[in-house]
Amino acid sequence: MEQRTDELDELLAPDFVAVHISGYEQTKAEWLDQIRSGQMRYHGFEEVSATVTIDGDSAVAVTRNLVDATIYGSRATWPLESTTTYVRDGGTWKAQHSRARTY
């Protein structure tokens, strides 16, 4: 909610890709730039559910959230299900790929 792209950058793998509900695949750099510029602004969320499956140095998280955001000037609350894959980078988990869809 604070648009801390410096901290978000640290949580994402260098080759991170976000797939939005429109199907658009966005690189880490482009997504962070759009957050910095205000084209994508996240105001809050309500967690509905979350599950995590770990297999060695990889993990998959499936979350459902009600996300309050302004995207390209339109503010709404979206019911989003996100499937995010993580890889272990040293002692840290980093998000590598995330796909969102409405539920």
N, C-alpha and C. Protein backbone atom coordinates (compact mmCIF):
# COMPACT_ATOMS: atom_id res chain seq x y z
N MET A 1 0.82 -1.18 0.00
CA MET A 1 0.00 0.00 0.00
C MET A 1 0.87 1.25 0.00
N GLU A 2 2.09 1.12 0.48
CA GLU A 2 3.01 2.25 0.50
C GLU A 2 3.78 2.38 -0.80
N GLN A 3 3.54 1.47 -1.76
CA GLN A 3 4.21 1.51 -3.06
C GLN A 3 5.72 1.41 -2.90
N ARG A 4 6.19 0.58 -1.95
CA ARG A 4 7.61 0.40 -1.68
C ARG A 4 8.22 -0.53 -2.72
N THR A 5 8.45 0.00 -3.90
CA THR A 5 8.97 -0.82 -4.99
C THR A 5 10.38 -1.31 -4.72
N ASP A 6 11.14 -0.60 -3.88
CA ASP A 6 12.48 -1.07 -3.52
C ASP A 6 12.40 -2.39 -2.75
N GLU A 7 11.45 -2.47 -1.83
CA GLU A 7 11.27 -3.70 -1.06
C GLU A 7 10.65 -4.81 -1.92
N LEU A 8 9.69 -4.44 -2.75
CA LEU A 8 9.07 -5.42 -3.65
C LEU A 8 10.10 -5.99 -4.60
N ASP A 9 11.00 -5.16 -5.10
CA ASP A 9 12.06 -5.61 -6.00
C ASP A 9 12.90 -6.72 -5.36
N GLU A 10 13.15 -6.60 -4.06
CA GLU A 10 13.95 -7.61 -3.35
C GLU A 10 13.21 -8.93 -3.19
N LEU A 11 11.88 -8.91 -3.20
CA LEU A 11 11.09 -10.11 -3.01
C LEU A 11 10.86 -10.90 -4.30
N LEU A 12 11.17 -10.26 -5.44
CA LEU A 12 10.91 -10.87 -6.74
C LEU A 12 12.21 -11.35 -7.37
N ALA A 13 12.16 -12.51 -8.02
CA ALA A 13 13.31 -13.02 -8.77
C ALA A 13 13.60 -12.06 -9.93
N PRO A 14 14.85 -12.01 -10.38
CA PRO A 14 15.20 -11.11 -11.49
C PRO A 14 14.35 -11.35 -12.75
N ASP A 15 13.96 -12.61 -13.00
CA ASP A 15 13.18 -12.93 -14.20
C ASP A 15 11.68 -13.04 -13.91
N PHE A 16 11.22 -12.41 -12.82
CA PHE A 16 9.80 -12.46 -12.43
C PHE A 16 8.90 -11.98 -13.56
N VAL A 17 7.78 -12.68 -13.72
CA VAL A 17 6.74 -12.30 -14.69
C VAL A 17 5.40 -12.33 -13.98
N ALA A 18 4.61 -11.29 -14.18
CA ALA A 18 3.24 -11.23 -13.66
C ALA A 18 2.29 -11.37 -14.84
N VAL A 19 1.33 -12.26 -14.72
CA VAL A 19 0.29 -12.40 -15.74
C VAL A 19 -0.99 -11.86 -15.12
N HIS A 20 -1.49 -10.78 -15.71
CA HIS A 20 -2.65 -10.08 -15.15
C HIS A 20 -3.95 -10.74 -15.61
N ILE A 21 -5.07 -10.31 -15.04
CA ILE A 21 -6.37 -10.91 -15.36
C ILE A 21 -6.73 -10.75 -16.84
N SER A 22 -6.13 -9.78 -17.48
CA SER A 22 -6.34 -9.58 -18.92
C SER A 22 -5.55 -10.59 -19.76
N GLY A 23 -4.61 -11.29 -19.13
CA GLY A 23 -3.73 -12.20 -19.85
C GLY A 23 -2.40 -11.56 -20.22
N TYR A 24 -2.27 -10.26 -19.96
CA TYR A 24 -1.04 -9.55 -20.30
C TYR A 24 0.11 -10.03 -19.41
N GLU A 25 1.21 -10.42 -20.03
CA GLU A 25 2.41 -10.84 -19.30
C GLU A 25 3.33 -9.64 -19.15
N GLN A 26 3.68 -9.35 -17.91
CA GLN A 26 4.45 -8.15 -17.62
C GLN A 26 5.73 -8.51 -16.89
N THR A 27 6.84 -7.93 -17.34
CA THR A 27 8.11 -8.16 -16.69
C THR A 27 8.15 -7.45 -15.34
N LYS A 28 9.07 -7.89 -14.52
CA LYS A 28 9.29 -7.27 -13.22
C LYS A 28 9.56 -5.77 -13.38
N ALA A 29 10.47 -5.42 -14.28
CA ALA A 29 10.84 -4.01 -14.46
C ALA A 29 9.64 -3.15 -14.87
N GLU A 30 8.83 -3.65 -15.80
CA GLU A 30 7.68 -2.88 -16.26
C GLU A 30 6.66 -2.71 -15.14
N TRP A 31 6.39 -3.78 -14.39
CA TRP A 31 5.41 -3.71 -13.31
C TRP A 31 5.87 -2.72 -12.24
N LEU A 32 7.13 -2.81 -11.83
CA LEU A 32 7.64 -1.88 -10.82
C LEU A 32 7.60 -0.44 -11.32
N ASP A 33 7.91 -0.21 -12.59
CA ASP A 33 7.83 1.14 -13.16
C ASP A 33 6.40 1.68 -13.11
N GLN A 34 5.42 0.82 -13.40
CA GLN A 34 4.02 1.27 -13.38
C GLN A 34 3.54 1.55 -11.96
N ILE A 35 4.05 0.83 -10.99
CA ILE A 35 3.71 1.13 -9.60
C ILE A 35 4.34 2.47 -9.21
N ARG A 36 5.61 2.67 -9.57
CA ARG A 36 6.31 3.93 -9.25
C ARG A 36 5.60 5.14 -9.87
N SER A 37 5.13 4.98 -11.11
CA SER A 37 4.50 6.10 -11.82
C SER A 37 3.06 6.35 -11.38
N GLY A 38 2.48 5.42 -10.63
CA GLY A 38 1.09 5.57 -10.20
C GLY A 38 0.08 4.98 -11.16
N GLN A 39 0.54 4.41 -12.29
CA GLN A 39 -0.40 3.77 -13.21
C GLN A 39 -1.10 2.59 -12.54
N MET A 40 -0.38 1.93 -11.64
CA MET A 40 -0.95 0.87 -10.81
C MET A 40 -0.72 1.26 -9.37
N ARG A 41 -1.82 1.44 -8.64
CA ARG A 41 -1.71 1.84 -7.23
C ARG A 41 -2.58 0.91 -6.40
N TYR A 42 -1.95 0.29 -5.43
CA TYR A 42 -2.65 -0.66 -4.57
C TYR A 42 -2.99 0.02 -3.25
N HIS A 43 -4.28 -0.03 -2.88
CA HIS A 43 -4.75 0.67 -1.68
C HIS A 43 -4.92 -0.27 -0.49
N GLY A 44 -5.27 -1.51 -0.75
CA GLY A 44 -5.49 -2.45 0.33
C GLY A 44 -5.98 -3.78 -0.21
N PHE A 45 -6.04 -4.76 0.69
CA PHE A 45 -6.58 -6.05 0.30
C PHE A 45 -7.13 -6.76 1.53
N GLU A 46 -8.03 -7.68 1.27
CA GLU A 46 -8.57 -8.54 2.31
C GLU A 46 -8.29 -9.98 1.90
N GLU A 47 -7.54 -10.69 2.74
CA GLU A 47 -7.22 -12.08 2.43
C GLU A 47 -8.45 -12.95 2.66
N VAL A 48 -8.75 -13.78 1.66
CA VAL A 48 -9.87 -14.70 1.74
C VAL A 48 -9.36 -16.10 2.06
N SER A 49 -8.31 -16.53 1.36
CA SER A 49 -7.72 -17.84 1.62
C SER A 49 -6.31 -17.89 1.07
N ALA A 50 -5.53 -18.84 1.59
CA ALA A 50 -4.16 -19.02 1.10
C ALA A 50 -3.73 -20.46 1.38
N THR A 51 -3.07 -21.07 0.39
CA THR A 51 -2.46 -22.38 0.57
C THR A 51 -1.06 -22.33 -0.04
N VAL A 52 -0.14 -23.04 0.58
CA VAL A 52 1.24 -23.09 0.09
C VAL A 52 1.67 -24.55 0.05
N THR A 53 2.27 -24.94 -1.08
CA THR A 53 2.83 -26.27 -1.24
C THR A 53 4.32 -26.12 -1.50
N ILE A 54 5.15 -26.78 -0.69
CA ILE A 54 6.60 -26.68 -0.83
C ILE A 54 7.14 -28.02 -1.29
N ASP A 55 8.03 -27.95 -2.29
CA ASP A 55 8.69 -29.14 -2.81
C ASP A 55 10.17 -28.81 -3.01
N GLY A 56 10.98 -29.10 -1.99
CA GLY A 56 12.41 -28.80 -2.08
C GLY A 56 12.65 -27.31 -2.12
N ASP A 57 13.29 -26.84 -3.22
CA ASP A 57 13.61 -25.42 -3.37
C ASP A 57 12.60 -24.66 -4.20
N SER A 58 11.41 -25.22 -4.36
CA SER A 58 10.35 -24.50 -5.06
C SER A 58 9.06 -24.59 -4.25
N ALA A 59 8.19 -23.65 -4.47
CA ALA A 59 6.92 -23.60 -3.75
C ALA A 59 5.87 -22.94 -4.63
N VAL A 60 4.62 -23.27 -4.37
CA VAL A 60 3.49 -22.66 -5.06
C VAL A 60 2.51 -22.16 -4.01
N ALA A 61 2.13 -20.89 -4.12
CA ALA A 61 1.13 -20.30 -3.23
C ALA A 61 -0.10 -19.96 -4.07
N VAL A 62 -1.25 -20.38 -3.59
CA VAL A 62 -2.52 -20.01 -4.23
C VAL A 62 -3.28 -19.17 -3.21
N THR A 63 -3.53 -17.92 -3.57
CA THR A 63 -4.21 -17.00 -2.66
C THR A 63 -5.45 -16.44 -3.30
N ARG A 64 -6.42 -16.16 -2.48
CA ARG A 64 -7.62 -15.42 -2.91
C ARG A 64 -7.71 -14.19 -2.03
N ASN A 65 -7.80 -13.04 -2.69
CA ASN A 65 -7.87 -11.76 -2.00
C ASN A 65 -8.87 -10.85 -2.68
N LEU A 66 -9.43 -9.95 -1.91
CA LEU A 66 -10.20 -8.84 -2.46
C LEU A 66 -9.22 -7.68 -2.51
N VAL A 67 -8.86 -7.26 -3.72
CA VAL A 67 -7.79 -6.27 -3.92
C VAL A 67 -8.39 -4.94 -4.34
N ASP A 68 -8.14 -3.91 -3.53
CA ASP A 68 -8.57 -2.54 -3.81
C ASP A 68 -7.40 -1.85 -4.50
N ALA A 69 -7.60 -1.51 -5.78
CA ALA A 69 -6.50 -0.91 -6.55
C ALA A 69 -7.04 0.06 -7.59
N THR A 70 -6.18 0.98 -7.97
CA THR A 70 -6.45 1.86 -9.10
C THR A 70 -5.51 1.43 -10.21
N ILE A 71 -6.07 0.95 -11.31
CA ILE A 71 -5.30 0.45 -12.43
C ILE A 71 -5.63 1.32 -13.64
N TYR A 72 -4.62 2.03 -14.13
CA TYR A 72 -4.78 2.93 -15.26
C TYR A 72 -5.96 3.89 -15.08
N GLY A 73 -6.10 4.41 -13.84
CA GLY A 73 -7.11 5.42 -13.55
C GLY A 73 -8.45 4.91 -13.08
N SER A 74 -8.68 3.61 -13.10
CA SER A 74 -9.97 3.05 -12.66
C SER A 74 -9.78 2.34 -11.33
N ARG A 75 -10.51 2.80 -10.32
CA ARG A 75 -10.41 2.17 -9.00
C ARG A 75 -11.56 1.18 -8.81
N ALA A 76 -11.22 0.02 -8.29
CA ALA A 76 -12.21 -1.01 -8.03
C ALA A 76 -11.63 -1.98 -7.01
N THR A 77 -12.49 -2.86 -6.52
CA THR A 77 -12.06 -3.97 -5.68
C THR A 77 -12.29 -5.23 -6.49
N TRP A 78 -11.20 -5.94 -6.77
CA TRP A 78 -11.25 -7.14 -7.58
C TRP A 78 -11.10 -8.38 -6.71
N PRO A 79 -11.96 -9.39 -6.94
CA PRO A 79 -11.74 -10.68 -6.28
C PRO A 79 -10.72 -11.46 -7.10
N LEU A 80 -9.50 -11.54 -6.62
CA LEU A 80 -8.42 -12.16 -7.39
C LEU A 80 -7.92 -13.44 -6.75
N GLU A 81 -7.72 -14.44 -7.61
CA GLU A 81 -7.01 -15.65 -7.22
C GLU A 81 -5.66 -15.58 -7.91
N SER A 82 -4.60 -15.67 -7.14
CA SER A 82 -3.24 -15.62 -7.68
C SER A 82 -2.53 -16.92 -7.40
N THR A 83 -1.89 -17.45 -8.43
CA THR A 83 -1.04 -18.62 -8.28
C THR A 83 0.38 -18.14 -8.52
N THR A 84 1.21 -18.22 -7.48
CA THR A 84 2.57 -17.69 -7.54
C THR A 84 3.56 -18.81 -7.26
N THR A 85 4.54 -18.93 -8.14
CA THR A 85 5.62 -19.89 -7.92
C THR A 85 6.81 -19.15 -7.31
N TYR A 86 7.46 -19.84 -6.38
CA TYR A 86 8.61 -19.29 -5.67
C TYR A 86 9.80 -20.22 -5.83
N VAL A 87 10.99 -19.63 -5.81
CA VAL A 87 12.22 -20.41 -5.81
C VAL A 87 13.05 -19.94 -4.61
N ARG A 88 13.80 -20.88 -4.04
CA ARG A 88 14.65 -20.52 -2.92
C ARG A 88 15.95 -19.95 -3.48
N ASP A 89 16.29 -18.76 -3.03
CA ASP A 89 17.51 -18.07 -3.45
C ASP A 89 18.36 -17.89 -2.20
N GLY A 90 19.29 -18.82 -1.98
CA GLY A 90 20.02 -18.82 -0.72
C GLY A 90 19.05 -19.18 0.38
N GLY A 91 18.91 -18.33 1.36
CA GLY A 91 17.96 -18.56 2.44
C GLY A 91 16.64 -17.82 2.27
N THR A 92 16.42 -17.25 1.09
CA THR A 92 15.24 -16.42 0.86
C THR A 92 14.37 -16.99 -0.25
N TRP A 93 13.07 -16.92 -0.07
CA TRP A 93 12.14 -17.30 -1.13
C TRP A 93 11.86 -16.08 -1.99
N LYS A 94 11.93 -16.27 -3.32
CA LYS A 94 11.65 -15.17 -4.26
C LYS A 94 10.55 -15.60 -5.21
N ALA A 95 9.59 -14.71 -5.43
CA ALA A 95 8.52 -14.98 -6.39
C ALA A 95 9.11 -14.95 -7.80
N GLN A 96 8.77 -15.96 -8.60
CA GLN A 96 9.30 -16.06 -9.95
C GLN A 96 8.22 -15.82 -11.01
N HIS A 97 7.00 -16.26 -10.72
CA HIS A 97 5.91 -16.14 -11.71
C HIS A 97 4.61 -16.05 -10.95
N SER A 98 3.74 -15.15 -11.38
CA SER A 98 2.44 -15.04 -10.73
C SER A 98 1.37 -14.82 -11.78
N ARG A 99 0.29 -15.59 -11.68
CA ARG A 99 -0.83 -15.48 -12.60
C ARG A 99 -2.07 -15.16 -11.78
N ALA A 100 -2.76 -14.08 -12.15
CA ALA A 100 -3.97 -13.67 -11.45
C ALA A 100 -5.18 -13.90 -12.35
N ARG A 101 -6.28 -14.24 -11.70
CA ARG A 101 -7.56 -14.36 -12.40
C ARG A 101 -8.64 -13.96 -11.41
N THR A 102 -9.79 -13.57 -11.92
CA THR A 102 -10.89 -13.27 -11.03
C THR A 102 -11.57 -14.57 -10.65
N TYR A 103 -12.19 -14.57 -9.49
CA TYR A 103 -12.92 -15.77 -9.05
C TYR A 103 -14.34 -15.41 -8.68
